[in-house]
N, C-alpha and C. Protein backbone atom coordinates (compact mmCIF):
# COMPACT_ATOMS: atom_id res chain seq x y z
N UNK A 1 -100.73 53.59 174.68
CA UNK A 1 -101.37 53.19 175.79
C UNK A 1 -100.93 53.36 177.26
N UNK A 2 -101.77 54.48 177.96
CA UNK A 2 -101.14 54.95 179.39
C UNK A 2 -100.70 53.20 180.31
N UNK A 3 -99.73 53.80 180.95
CA UNK A 3 -99.12 52.38 181.85
C UNK A 3 -99.91 52.81 183.02
N UNK A 4 -99.71 51.67 184.04
CA UNK A 4 -100.72 51.92 185.63
C UNK A 4 -100.31 53.08 186.03
N UNK A 5 -99.13 53.69 186.26
CA UNK A 5 -98.74 54.65 187.12
C UNK A 5 -99.00 55.75 186.29
N UNK A 6 -99.23 55.79 184.79
CA UNK A 6 -99.42 57.15 184.34
C UNK A 6 -101.20 57.44 184.74
N UNK A 7 -102.19 56.19 184.70
CA UNK A 7 -102.87 56.41 184.95
C UNK A 7 -103.65 56.86 186.31
N UNK A 8 -102.59 56.30 187.36
CA UNK A 8 -102.67 56.68 189.01
C UNK A 8 -102.50 58.10 188.78
N UNK A 9 -101.61 58.86 188.37
CA UNK A 9 -101.24 59.99 188.71
C UNK A 9 -102.54 60.97 187.64
N UNK A 10 -102.92 61.06 186.70
CA UNK A 10 -104.37 61.37 186.38
C UNK A 10 -104.99 61.18 187.40
N UNK A 11 -105.32 60.12 188.05
CA UNK A 11 -106.61 60.34 189.28
C UNK A 11 -105.77 61.32 190.27
N UNK A 12 -104.57 61.61 190.56
CA UNK A 12 -104.40 62.20 191.80
C UNK A 12 -104.55 63.69 191.35
N UNK A 13 -105.05 64.02 190.19
CA UNK A 13 -105.39 65.09 189.70
C UNK A 13 -106.44 65.34 189.71
N UNK A 14 -107.74 64.41 189.46
CA UNK A 14 -108.82 64.02 189.92
C UNK A 14 -109.26 64.45 191.41
N UNK A 15 -108.24 63.24 192.44
CA UNK A 15 -108.25 63.75 193.47
C UNK A 15 -108.25 64.93 194.24
N UNK A 16 -107.82 65.64 193.82
CA UNK A 16 -107.40 67.19 194.62
C UNK A 16 -108.62 67.94 194.05
N UNK A 17 -108.90 67.41 192.96
CA UNK A 17 -109.97 68.26 191.76
C UNK A 17 -111.44 68.01 193.30
N UNK A 18 -111.70 66.89 193.53
CA UNK A 18 -112.70 66.82 194.54
C UNK A 18 -112.93 67.31 195.25
N UNK A 19 -111.57 67.29 196.23
CA UNK A 19 -111.38 68.40 197.56
C UNK A 19 -111.70 69.60 197.24
N UNK A 20 -111.46 70.22 196.31
CA UNK A 20 -111.76 71.50 196.28
C UNK A 20 -113.27 71.96 195.95
N UNK A 21 -113.87 71.20 195.28
CA UNK A 21 -115.44 71.06 194.89
C UNK A 21 -115.75 71.11 195.85
N UNK A 22 -116.15 69.94 197.10
CA UNK A 22 -117.14 69.63 198.23
C UNK A 22 -116.65 70.41 199.88
N UNK A 23 -115.40 70.76 199.85
CA UNK A 23 -115.13 71.50 200.93
C UNK A 23 -114.50 70.79 201.82
N UNK A 24 -113.95 70.83 202.78
CA UNK A 24 -112.96 70.69 204.01
C UNK A 24 -113.40 69.19 205.01
N UNK A 25 -114.82 69.27 204.76
CA UNK A 25 -115.54 68.05 205.62
C UNK A 25 -115.37 66.66 204.30
N UNK A 26 -115.00 66.81 203.44
CA UNK A 26 -114.51 65.63 202.39
C UNK A 26 -113.21 65.28 202.51
N UNK A 27 -113.12 64.11 203.07
CA UNK A 27 -111.81 63.73 202.24
C UNK A 27 -111.53 62.82 201.64
N UNK A 28 -110.49 62.97 200.75
CA UNK A 28 -110.55 62.35 199.57
C UNK A 28 -109.12 61.72 199.17
N UNK A 29 -109.25 59.97 199.52
CA UNK A 29 -107.87 59.44 199.12
C UNK A 29 -107.23 58.71 198.44
N UNK A 30 -106.26 58.86 197.31
CA UNK A 30 -106.25 57.76 196.35
C UNK A 30 -104.73 56.74 196.94
N UNK A 31 -105.13 55.60 196.27
CA UNK A 31 -104.96 54.44 197.05
C UNK A 31 -104.12 53.59 195.39
N UNK A 32 -102.72 53.67 195.53
CA UNK A 32 -102.27 52.43 194.79
C UNK A 32 -102.20 51.10 195.48
N UNK A 33 -102.51 50.05 194.76
CA UNK A 33 -102.13 48.97 195.33
C UNK A 33 -101.45 48.11 195.04
N UNK A 34 -100.19 48.25 194.27
CA UNK A 34 -98.95 47.87 194.62
C UNK A 34 -98.20 46.92 195.51
N UNK A 35 -98.75 48.11 196.43
CA UNK A 35 -98.18 47.75 197.96
C UNK A 35 -99.84 48.00 198.68
N UNK A 36 -100.37 47.29 199.52
CA UNK A 36 -101.49 47.69 200.20
C UNK A 36 -101.23 48.43 201.64
N UNK A 37 -100.29 47.43 202.21
CA UNK A 37 -99.65 48.05 203.53
C UNK A 37 -99.08 49.66 203.44
N UNK A 38 -98.88 49.93 202.70
CA UNK A 38 -98.86 51.54 202.40
C UNK A 38 -99.27 52.03 200.99
N UNK A 39 -100.71 52.30 201.06
CA UNK A 39 -101.25 52.01 200.02
C UNK A 39 -101.58 53.73 199.66
N UNK A 40 -101.58 54.36 200.58
CA UNK A 40 -102.39 55.91 200.64
C UNK A 40 -101.50 56.49 200.02
N UNK A 41 -101.49 57.34 198.25
CA UNK A 41 -99.93 58.05 198.15
C UNK A 41 -100.50 59.48 197.78
N UNK A 42 -101.79 59.30 198.37
CA UNK A 42 -102.17 61.19 198.47
C UNK A 42 -103.94 61.07 199.17
N UNK A 43 -103.59 62.36 200.05
CA UNK A 43 -104.54 62.49 200.99
C UNK A 43 -104.72 64.30 201.13
N UNK A 44 -106.02 64.20 200.50
CA UNK A 44 -106.41 65.73 200.95
C UNK A 44 -107.91 65.68 202.21
N UNK A 45 -107.82 67.30 202.85
CA UNK A 45 -108.47 67.03 203.92
C UNK A 45 -108.38 65.62 205.18
N UNK A 46 -107.05 65.48 205.28
CA UNK A 46 -106.79 64.24 205.86
C UNK A 46 -107.55 64.40 207.30
N UNK A 47 -107.87 65.49 208.25
CA UNK A 47 -108.32 65.52 209.12
C UNK A 47 -109.52 64.98 209.71
N UNK A 48 -110.23 64.46 208.42
CA UNK A 48 -111.62 64.07 208.82
C UNK A 48 -110.96 62.44 209.27
N UNK A 49 -110.23 61.73 208.62
CA UNK A 49 -109.86 60.39 209.52
C UNK A 49 -108.58 60.59 210.21
N UNK A 50 -107.85 61.35 209.77
CA UNK A 50 -106.38 61.08 210.47
C UNK A 50 -105.17 60.72 209.86
N UNK A 51 -105.66 60.09 209.11
CA UNK A 51 -104.47 59.33 208.12
C UNK A 51 -103.85 60.40 207.39
N UNK A 52 -102.65 59.37 207.47
CA UNK A 52 -101.39 59.95 206.45
C UNK A 52 -100.90 59.15 205.72
N UNK A 53 -100.45 60.09 204.35
CA UNK A 53 -100.23 59.17 203.34
C UNK A 53 -98.93 58.64 203.48
N UNK A 54 -99.24 57.18 202.91
CA UNK A 54 -98.30 55.98 203.19
C UNK A 54 -98.88 55.25 204.57
N UNK A 55 -100.23 55.58 204.87
CA UNK A 55 -101.33 54.38 205.47
C UNK A 55 -101.48 53.99 205.12
N UNK A 56 -101.60 52.31 205.49
CA UNK A 56 -102.18 51.03 204.61
C UNK A 56 -103.20 51.44 204.27
N UNK A 57 -104.17 50.08 203.44
CA UNK A 57 -105.77 49.96 203.09
C UNK A 57 -106.19 49.91 204.18
N UNK A 58 -107.64 50.50 204.44
CA UNK A 58 -108.58 50.17 205.35
C UNK A 58 -108.89 48.59 204.75
N UNK A 59 -109.86 48.18 206.44
CA UNK A 59 -110.10 46.48 206.45
C UNK A 59 -111.20 46.94 205.72
N UNK A 60 -112.24 47.51 205.64
CA UNK A 60 -113.14 47.86 204.21
C UNK A 60 -112.21 47.52 202.89
N UNK A 61 -111.53 48.11 202.74
CA UNK A 61 -110.88 48.25 201.59
C UNK A 61 -110.29 46.56 201.26
N UNK A 62 -109.62 46.30 201.78
CA UNK A 62 -108.53 44.56 202.31
C UNK A 62 -110.25 44.01 201.63
N UNK A 63 -111.51 43.93 202.14
CA UNK A 63 -112.48 43.27 202.00
C UNK A 63 -112.94 43.61 200.55
N UNK A 64 -113.03 44.98 200.25
CA UNK A 64 -112.87 44.46 198.49
C UNK A 64 -112.07 43.97 197.94
N UNK A 65 -111.20 43.36 198.33
CA UNK A 65 -109.93 42.87 196.95
C UNK A 65 -110.17 41.70 197.46
N UNK A 66 -110.22 41.11 198.86
CA UNK A 66 -110.25 39.73 199.12
C UNK A 66 -111.45 38.85 198.37
N UNK A 67 -112.41 39.84 198.39
CA UNK A 67 -113.63 39.21 197.86
C UNK A 67 -114.16 39.64 196.34
N UNK A 68 -112.96 40.33 195.86
CA UNK A 68 -113.09 40.69 194.76
C UNK A 68 -114.35 41.79 194.37
N UNK A 69 -114.73 42.65 195.14
CA UNK A 69 -115.95 42.91 194.82
C UNK A 69 -116.24 44.13 193.59
N UNK A 70 -114.60 44.17 193.26
CA UNK A 70 -114.54 45.44 192.01
C UNK A 70 -114.66 44.32 190.54
N UNK A 71 -114.96 43.35 191.12
CA UNK A 71 -114.96 42.93 189.22
C UNK A 71 -116.37 43.06 188.31
N UNK A 72 -117.37 43.34 189.46
CA UNK A 72 -118.37 43.93 188.45
C UNK A 72 -119.18 44.79 189.07
N UNK A 73 -118.45 45.61 189.48
CA UNK A 73 -118.89 47.30 189.92
C UNK A 73 -117.53 48.37 189.61
N UNK A 74 -118.01 49.32 188.94
CA UNK A 74 -117.04 50.53 189.00
C UNK A 74 -116.94 51.22 190.33
N UNK A 75 -118.16 51.13 191.01
CA UNK A 75 -118.17 51.76 192.46
C UNK A 75 -118.52 51.21 193.49
N UNK A 76 -118.73 51.67 194.64
CA UNK A 76 -119.43 51.11 196.04
C UNK A 76 -119.65 52.85 196.44
N UNK A 77 -120.81 53.04 196.76
CA UNK A 77 -121.36 54.31 197.41
C UNK A 77 -121.99 54.17 198.76
N UNK A 78 -121.88 55.63 199.95
CA UNK A 78 -122.59 55.68 200.42
C UNK A 78 -122.25 54.52 201.55
N UNK A 79 -121.39 53.72 201.98
CA UNK A 79 -121.58 53.01 203.01
C UNK A 79 -121.19 53.94 204.47
N UNK A 80 -121.68 53.88 205.67
CA UNK A 80 -121.53 54.19 206.35
C UNK A 80 -120.67 53.67 207.68
N UNK A 81 -119.95 54.94 208.42
CA UNK A 81 -119.15 54.55 209.06
C UNK A 81 -119.10 55.55 210.42
N UNK A 82 -118.15 54.98 211.87
CA UNK A 82 -117.88 55.67 212.80
C UNK A 82 -116.26 56.22 212.81
N UNK A 83 -115.88 57.24 212.70
CA UNK A 83 -114.02 57.03 213.01
C UNK A 83 -114.14 58.62 214.22
N UNK A 84 -113.44 57.83 214.79
CA UNK A 84 -113.31 59.05 216.03
C UNK A 84 -114.47 59.87 216.09
N UNK A 85 -115.56 59.09 216.57
CA UNK A 85 -116.69 60.04 217.52
C UNK A 85 -117.22 60.92 216.06
N UNK A 86 -116.73 60.55 214.83
CA UNK A 86 -117.45 61.09 213.43
C UNK A 86 -118.14 59.95 212.44
N UNK A 87 -119.47 60.68 212.12
CA UNK A 87 -120.07 59.61 211.72
C UNK A 87 -119.68 60.11 210.19
N UNK A 88 -119.41 58.86 209.09
CA UNK A 88 -118.71 59.48 207.73
C UNK A 88 -119.65 58.49 206.12
N UNK A 89 -119.94 59.43 205.73
CA UNK A 89 -120.40 58.19 204.86
C UNK A 89 -119.49 58.37 203.32
N UNK A 90 -118.85 56.92 203.35
CA UNK A 90 -117.95 56.58 202.41
C UNK A 90 -118.13 55.88 200.98
N UNK A 91 -117.63 55.93 200.10
CA UNK A 91 -117.81 55.98 198.89
C UNK A 91 -116.60 55.30 198.11
N UNK A 92 -116.27 54.64 197.61
CA UNK A 92 -114.99 54.10 196.87
C UNK A 92 -115.65 53.93 195.26
N UNK A 93 -114.34 54.28 194.19
CA UNK A 93 -113.99 54.38 193.22
C UNK A 93 -112.70 53.24 192.56
N UNK A 94 -113.59 51.97 191.59
CA UNK A 94 -111.92 51.29 191.66
C UNK A 94 -111.51 51.74 190.05
N UNK A 95 -110.25 51.80 190.09
CA UNK A 95 -109.45 52.22 189.13
C UNK A 95 -109.07 51.06 188.16
N UNK A 96 -108.95 51.16 187.28
CA UNK A 96 -108.43 49.99 186.56
C UNK A 96 -108.01 50.16 185.49
N UNK A 97 -106.63 49.48 184.91
CA UNK A 97 -106.19 49.45 183.49
C UNK A 97 -106.94 49.21 182.33
N UNK A 98 -106.18 49.56 181.14
CA UNK A 98 -106.50 48.93 179.96
C UNK A 98 -107.39 47.41 180.24
N UNK A 99 -106.54 46.52 180.61
CA UNK A 99 -107.11 44.88 180.71
C UNK A 99 -107.77 44.93 181.98
N UNK A 100 -108.55 45.69 182.38
CA UNK A 100 -109.61 45.67 183.26
C UNK A 100 -108.91 45.06 184.61
N UNK A 101 -107.64 45.92 184.92
CA UNK A 101 -107.15 44.83 186.93
C UNK A 101 -106.76 46.18 187.30
N UNK A 102 -107.62 45.73 188.81
CA UNK A 102 -107.51 46.96 189.18
C UNK A 102 -106.15 47.15 189.94
N UNK A 103 -106.25 48.80 189.81
CA UNK A 103 -104.80 49.34 190.29
C UNK A 103 -104.44 50.47 190.92
N UNK A 104 -106.02 50.45 191.52
CA UNK A 104 -106.14 52.20 192.55
C UNK A 104 -107.47 52.31 192.99
N UNK A 105 -107.90 52.45 193.88
CA UNK A 105 -108.99 53.44 194.42
C UNK A 105 -109.09 54.81 194.88
N UNK A 106 -110.17 55.74 194.33
CA UNK A 106 -110.11 56.67 194.99
C UNK A 106 -111.48 56.50 195.91
N UNK A 107 -111.02 56.82 196.79
CA UNK A 107 -111.90 56.96 198.69
C UNK A 107 -112.39 58.42 198.91
N UNK A 108 -113.73 58.32 198.71
CA UNK A 108 -114.10 59.81 199.55
C UNK A 108 -114.94 59.74 200.45
N UNK A 109 -114.63 60.24 201.89
CA UNK A 109 -115.19 59.74 203.26
C UNK A 109 -115.99 61.17 203.52
N UNK A 110 -117.33 61.59 203.81
CA UNK A 110 -117.74 62.65 203.98
C UNK A 110 -118.33 62.52 205.26
N UNK A 111 -117.71 63.56 205.72
CA UNK A 111 -118.06 64.11 207.64
C UNK A 111 -119.78 64.26 207.68
N UNK A 112 -120.41 63.71 207.71
CA UNK A 112 -121.68 64.03 208.55
C UNK A 112 -122.47 64.14 209.62
N UNK A 113 -121.46 64.31 210.44
CA UNK A 113 -121.96 64.53 211.78
C UNK A 113 -122.69 65.63 212.21
N UNK A 114 -122.37 66.55 211.50
CA UNK A 114 -122.99 67.88 211.62
C UNK A 114 -124.13 68.24 210.75
N UNK A 115 -124.20 67.58 210.15
CA UNK A 115 -125.39 67.39 209.48
C UNK A 115 -126.70 66.80 210.38
N UNK A 116 -126.03 65.84 210.50
CA UNK A 116 -126.66 64.91 211.16
C UNK A 116 -127.74 65.13 212.32
N UNK A 117 -126.42 66.11 213.27
CA UNK A 117 -127.17 66.57 214.04
C UNK A 117 -128.01 67.73 214.18
N UNK A 118 -127.82 68.36 213.02
CA UNK A 118 -128.97 69.27 212.62
C UNK A 118 -129.75 68.47 212.09
N UNK A 119 -130.34 68.08 211.71
CA UNK A 119 -131.57 66.80 211.50
C UNK A 119 -132.07 66.34 212.46
N UNK A 120 -131.39 65.96 213.35
CA UNK A 120 -131.60 65.13 215.05
C UNK A 120 -132.72 66.56 215.70
N UNK A 121 -131.76 67.91 215.92
CA UNK A 121 -132.21 68.84 216.13
C UNK A 121 -133.69 69.17 215.52
N UNK A 122 -133.94 69.38 214.35
CA UNK A 122 -135.14 69.51 213.69
C UNK A 122 -135.87 68.70 213.39
N UNK A 123 -135.53 67.49 213.50
CA UNK A 123 -136.66 66.15 214.11
C UNK A 123 -137.41 66.62 215.56
N UNK A 124 -136.45 66.56 216.17
CA UNK A 124 -136.85 67.13 217.74
C UNK A 124 -138.32 68.27 217.76
N UNK A 125 -137.65 69.28 217.24
CA UNK A 125 -138.44 70.83 217.18
C UNK A 125 -140.07 70.08 216.52
N UNK A 126 -139.59 69.23 215.59
CA UNK A 126 -141.02 68.71 214.80
C UNK A 126 -141.66 68.29 215.69
N UNK A 127 -141.35 67.41 216.20
CA UNK A 127 -142.10 66.42 216.89
C UNK A 127 -142.14 66.69 218.61
N UNK A 128 -142.04 67.73 219.21
CA UNK A 128 -142.00 68.66 220.11
C UNK A 128 -141.29 67.41 221.24
N UNK A 129 -140.55 67.16 220.51
CA UNK A 129 -139.37 65.87 221.77
C UNK A 129 -139.57 64.51 222.03
N UNK A 130 -141.03 64.52 221.02
CA UNK A 130 -141.41 62.82 220.96
C UNK A 130 -140.44 62.17 220.38
N UNK A 131 -140.12 61.22 221.14
CA UNK A 131 -139.08 59.90 220.31
C UNK A 131 -140.32 59.03 219.42
N UNK A 132 -140.60 59.18 218.09
CA UNK A 132 -141.41 58.46 217.51
C UNK A 132 -140.76 57.04 216.83
N UNK A 133 -139.06 56.81 216.92
CA UNK A 133 -138.51 56.08 216.45
C UNK A 133 -138.66 54.43 217.53
N UNK A 134 -138.65 53.60 217.14
CA UNK A 134 -138.24 52.34 218.66
C UNK A 134 -136.72 52.12 218.86
N UNK A 135 -136.15 52.34 217.68
CA UNK A 135 -134.77 52.27 217.78
C UNK A 135 -133.95 52.54 216.87
N UNK A 136 -132.68 52.95 217.00
CA UNK A 136 -131.64 54.34 215.85
C UNK A 136 -130.81 53.20 214.82
N UNK A 137 -130.76 53.60 214.24
CA UNK A 137 -130.38 52.78 213.21
C UNK A 137 -128.46 52.14 213.67
N UNK A 138 -128.45 51.45 213.34
CA UNK A 138 -127.04 51.07 213.96
C UNK A 138 -126.40 51.36 212.53
N UNK A 139 -124.74 51.67 213.04
CA UNK A 139 -124.01 52.20 212.55
C UNK A 139 -122.64 51.16 212.47
N UNK A 140 -121.95 51.13 211.61
CA UNK A 140 -120.79 49.88 211.45
C UNK A 140 -119.60 51.03 211.41
N UNK A 141 -118.44 50.92 212.74
CA UNK A 141 -117.65 51.11 212.32
C UNK A 141 -116.33 50.60 211.52
N UNK A 142 -115.93 52.45 211.24
CA UNK A 142 -114.76 52.22 210.07
C UNK A 142 -113.55 52.24 210.58
N UNK A 143 -112.24 51.46 209.86
CA UNK A 143 -111.27 51.34 211.19
C UNK A 143 -110.04 52.12 209.57
N UNK A 144 -110.02 53.24 209.96
CA UNK A 144 -108.84 53.87 208.98
C UNK A 144 -107.40 53.68 209.85
N UNK A 145 -106.27 52.86 209.94
CA UNK A 145 -105.17 52.83 210.61
C UNK A 145 -104.36 53.76 209.87
N UNK A 146 -103.22 53.86 210.63
CA UNK A 146 -102.21 54.66 210.16
C UNK A 146 -100.75 54.01 210.35
N UNK A 147 -101.03 52.31 210.92
CA UNK A 147 -99.46 51.91 210.54
C UNK A 147 -100.24 50.17 210.49
N UNK A 148 -99.39 49.28 209.64
CA UNK A 148 -99.79 47.75 209.44
C UNK A 148 -100.09 47.22 211.16
N UNK A 149 -99.04 48.10 211.96
CA UNK A 149 -99.24 47.01 213.36
C UNK A 149 -100.43 47.48 214.14
N UNK A 150 -101.04 48.67 213.97
CA UNK A 150 -101.64 49.36 214.45
C UNK A 150 -103.08 48.23 213.89
N UNK A 151 -103.44 48.33 212.52
CA UNK A 151 -104.39 47.36 212.14
C UNK A 151 -104.56 46.14 213.04
N UNK A 152 -103.19 45.39 212.82
CA UNK A 152 -103.25 44.72 213.26
C UNK A 152 -103.48 44.07 214.93
N UNK A 153 -103.03 45.06 215.68
CA UNK A 153 -103.16 45.30 217.09
C UNK A 153 -105.30 45.16 217.17
N UNK A 154 -105.51 46.29 216.25
CA UNK A 154 -107.07 46.40 216.40
C UNK A 154 -107.63 45.31 216.36
N UNK A 155 -107.42 44.65 214.87
CA UNK A 155 -107.81 43.54 214.94
C UNK A 155 -107.53 42.14 215.76
N UNK A 156 -106.42 41.80 216.10
CA UNK A 156 -106.26 41.09 217.74
C UNK A 156 -107.32 41.22 218.98
N UNK A 157 -107.66 42.94 219.22
CA UNK A 157 -108.30 43.38 219.96
C UNK A 157 -109.57 42.59 219.91
N UNK A 158 -110.14 42.91 218.44
CA UNK A 158 -111.63 42.41 218.10
C UNK A 158 -111.62 41.17 218.53
N UNK A 159 -110.91 40.07 217.99
CA UNK A 159 -111.02 38.80 217.93
C UNK A 159 -111.06 38.38 218.95
N UNK A 160 -109.62 38.47 220.11
CA UNK A 160 -109.68 38.10 221.14
C UNK A 160 -110.33 38.60 222.36
N UNK A 161 -110.99 39.90 221.95
CA UNK A 161 -111.77 40.54 223.02
C UNK A 161 -110.88 40.78 224.24
N UNK A 162 -109.47 40.95 224.25
CA UNK A 162 -109.10 41.48 225.20
C UNK A 162 -109.41 40.56 226.74
N UNK A 163 -109.44 39.25 226.44
CA UNK A 163 -109.57 38.59 227.89
C UNK A 163 -108.67 37.18 227.67
N UNK A 164 -107.72 37.12 227.08
CA UNK A 164 -107.02 36.03 226.61
C UNK A 164 -105.87 35.97 226.19
N UNK A 165 -104.77 35.42 226.61
CA UNK A 165 -103.56 35.78 226.00
C UNK A 165 -103.49 34.57 224.77
N UNK A 166 -102.09 34.38 223.93
CA UNK A 166 -102.59 33.47 222.66
C UNK A 166 -102.14 32.10 223.34
N UNK A 167 -101.23 31.86 224.32
CA UNK A 167 -100.45 30.93 225.00
C UNK A 167 -101.88 30.03 225.74
N UNK A 168 -102.43 30.89 226.14
CA UNK A 168 -103.63 29.83 226.67
C UNK A 168 -104.90 29.97 226.07
N UNK A 169 -104.95 29.57 224.17
CA UNK A 169 -106.33 29.49 223.57
C UNK A 169 -105.55 27.67 222.75
N UNK A 170 -106.68 26.90 223.36
CA UNK A 170 -106.11 25.51 222.44
C UNK A 170 -106.05 25.29 220.99
N UNK A 171 -105.50 24.31 220.50
CA UNK A 171 -105.26 24.49 219.13
C UNK A 171 -106.34 24.85 218.18
N UNK A 172 -107.54 24.54 218.32
CA UNK A 172 -108.66 25.09 217.31
C UNK A 172 -109.21 26.17 217.46
N UNK A 173 -108.66 26.96 218.54
CA UNK A 173 -108.97 28.17 219.12
C UNK A 173 -107.96 29.12 218.18
N UNK A 174 -106.60 28.75 217.90
CA UNK A 174 -105.71 29.30 217.81
C UNK A 174 -105.54 29.73 215.89
N UNK A 175 -106.34 28.50 215.28
CA UNK A 175 -106.47 28.07 214.36
C UNK A 175 -107.38 29.16 213.89
N UNK A 176 -108.55 29.21 214.45
CA UNK A 176 -109.82 30.41 214.39
C UNK A 176 -109.15 31.63 213.94
N UNK A 177 -108.21 32.25 214.94
CA UNK A 177 -107.89 33.49 215.38
C UNK A 177 -107.23 33.50 213.58
N UNK A 178 -106.10 32.40 213.11
CA UNK A 178 -105.44 32.67 212.30
C UNK A 178 -106.33 33.13 210.85
N UNK A 179 -107.09 31.98 210.87
CA UNK A 179 -108.48 32.15 210.15
C UNK A 179 -109.08 33.52 209.83
N UNK A 180 -109.27 34.32 211.39
CA UNK A 180 -110.05 35.58 211.27
C UNK A 180 -109.14 36.69 210.88
N UNK A 181 -107.98 36.37 211.12
CA UNK A 181 -107.02 37.61 210.87
C UNK A 181 -106.61 37.60 209.00
N UNK A 182 -106.53 36.13 208.16
CA UNK A 182 -106.60 36.03 207.19
C UNK A 182 -107.85 36.75 206.59
N UNK A 183 -108.79 36.45 206.91
CA UNK A 183 -109.89 36.75 205.89
C UNK A 183 -110.40 38.48 206.59
N UNK A 184 -109.61 38.83 207.00
CA UNK A 184 -109.08 40.55 207.31
C UNK A 184 -108.66 41.15 206.56
N UNK A 185 -107.64 40.15 205.84
CA UNK A 185 -106.31 40.71 204.81
C UNK A 185 -105.52 40.77 205.60
N UNK A 186 -104.98 40.53 207.07
CA UNK A 186 -103.65 40.84 207.33
C UNK A 186 -102.91 40.04 206.67
N UNK A 187 -102.48 39.41 205.88
CA UNK A 187 -101.52 38.53 205.70
C UNK A 187 -101.31 38.88 204.53
N UNK A 188 -102.26 40.08 203.72
CA UNK A 188 -102.26 40.31 202.22
C UNK A 188 -101.06 41.29 202.21
N UNK A 189 -100.71 42.03 203.77
CA UNK A 189 -99.97 43.24 203.79
C UNK A 189 -98.74 42.54 203.97
N UNK A 190 -97.74 43.72 203.62
CA UNK A 190 -96.35 43.39 203.89
C UNK A 190 -96.08 43.22 204.89
N UNK A 191 -95.07 42.36 205.36
CA UNK A 191 -94.68 42.47 206.68
C UNK A 191 -95.89 41.72 207.55
N UNK A 192 -96.85 41.31 206.74
CA UNK A 192 -97.96 40.90 207.99
C UNK A 192 -97.81 39.61 209.17
N UNK A 193 -97.27 39.10 208.06
CA UNK A 193 -97.07 37.54 209.34
C UNK A 193 -95.85 37.90 209.99
N UNK A 194 -94.69 38.75 209.81
CA UNK A 194 -93.81 39.38 210.95
C UNK A 194 -94.35 40.15 211.69
N UNK A 195 -95.19 40.65 211.47
CA UNK A 195 -95.80 41.69 212.75
C UNK A 195 -96.91 40.95 213.31
N UNK A 196 -97.89 39.78 213.16
CA UNK A 196 -98.36 39.24 213.78
C UNK A 196 -97.32 38.23 214.67
N UNK A 197 -96.76 37.56 214.26
CA UNK A 197 -95.49 36.91 214.96
C UNK A 197 -95.13 37.69 216.67
N UNK A 198 -94.63 38.84 216.31
CA UNK A 198 -93.75 39.59 216.97
C UNK A 198 -94.98 40.22 218.04
N UNK A 199 -96.17 40.71 217.60
CA UNK A 199 -97.14 40.97 218.72
C UNK A 199 -97.63 39.78 219.07
N UNK A 200 -97.88 38.68 218.75
CA UNK A 200 -98.44 37.35 219.94
C UNK A 200 -97.10 36.67 220.41
N UNK A 201 -95.88 36.57 219.83
CA UNK A 201 -94.69 36.73 220.26
C UNK A 201 -94.62 34.58 220.55
N UNK A 202 -94.77 34.72 219.07
CA UNK A 202 -95.09 33.78 218.18
C UNK A 202 -94.00 33.18 217.03
N UNK A 203 -92.97 32.38 216.84
CA UNK A 203 -92.74 32.48 215.38
C UNK A 203 -93.43 32.19 214.30
N UNK A 204 -92.84 32.75 213.13
CA UNK A 204 -93.04 33.15 211.74
C UNK A 204 -93.37 31.89 211.36
N UNK A 205 -92.48 30.58 211.65
CA UNK A 205 -92.95 29.51 211.25
C UNK A 205 -93.85 28.63 211.44
N UNK A 206 -94.38 29.50 212.89
CA UNK A 206 -95.70 28.97 213.45
C UNK A 206 -96.80 29.25 212.93
N UNK A 207 -96.79 31.02 212.51
CA UNK A 207 -97.88 31.90 211.82
C UNK A 207 -98.28 30.84 210.49
N UNK A 208 -97.10 30.76 209.52
CA UNK A 208 -96.90 29.85 208.35
C UNK A 208 -97.95 28.04 208.61
N UNK A 209 -97.27 27.48 209.56
CA UNK A 209 -98.24 26.49 209.85
C UNK A 209 -99.38 26.49 209.89
N UNK A 210 -99.94 27.54 210.53
CA UNK A 210 -101.96 27.32 210.75
C UNK A 210 -102.19 28.15 209.56
N UNK A 211 -101.53 28.91 209.08
CA UNK A 211 -101.96 29.25 207.58
C UNK A 211 -102.25 28.41 206.25
N UNK A 212 -101.20 27.31 206.43
CA UNK A 212 -101.10 25.94 205.57
C UNK A 212 -102.77 25.43 206.21
N UNK A 213 -103.10 25.36 207.40
CA UNK A 213 -104.14 24.51 207.50
C UNK A 213 -105.71 25.21 206.68
N UNK A 214 -105.44 26.37 206.65
CA UNK A 214 -107.17 27.35 206.28
C UNK A 214 -107.20 26.88 204.77
């Protein structure tokens, strides 16, 4: 019976095969979930998202783990997002061992920007420039950070809206900030607590105190 590392090594070959099959606009990432703070152990066509080997799990990946979305599914396909001005179609396959425990993920990110632009131009030509839709589809932004610190900074920027410092937030507000960071899986990352305490300029014990209240 194959161990977890042997299974992941087999998927390293599969990831490379997939990247060769579908062209340079398709990024394939292999994640080892033993450490989500540097889970990316193989990346092919990384120019799509700009990530490197050793990058942490994305916020969407942390959500999958936090909410255990993998328990009744083998994969999630065709999530939409934006990174670096590119529109992506993302799919995730869950790698499980013989005991049905999740040990890794294969993530496929297809840059569909060019195709969407062609479709838009063809639609314009077909409709003689008339806009027949009342509104455009809203596309959620997908975050592909290169480090834990980058991920935390982006999460705090989103939560605090860049308008107020930690010292100016009241007790309930501070608890809410820690709660939202926890929901994003930030404290599941190795060094998450120390990175947050450094960025917010508070002690680690302060962070743990708020976490104990959640």
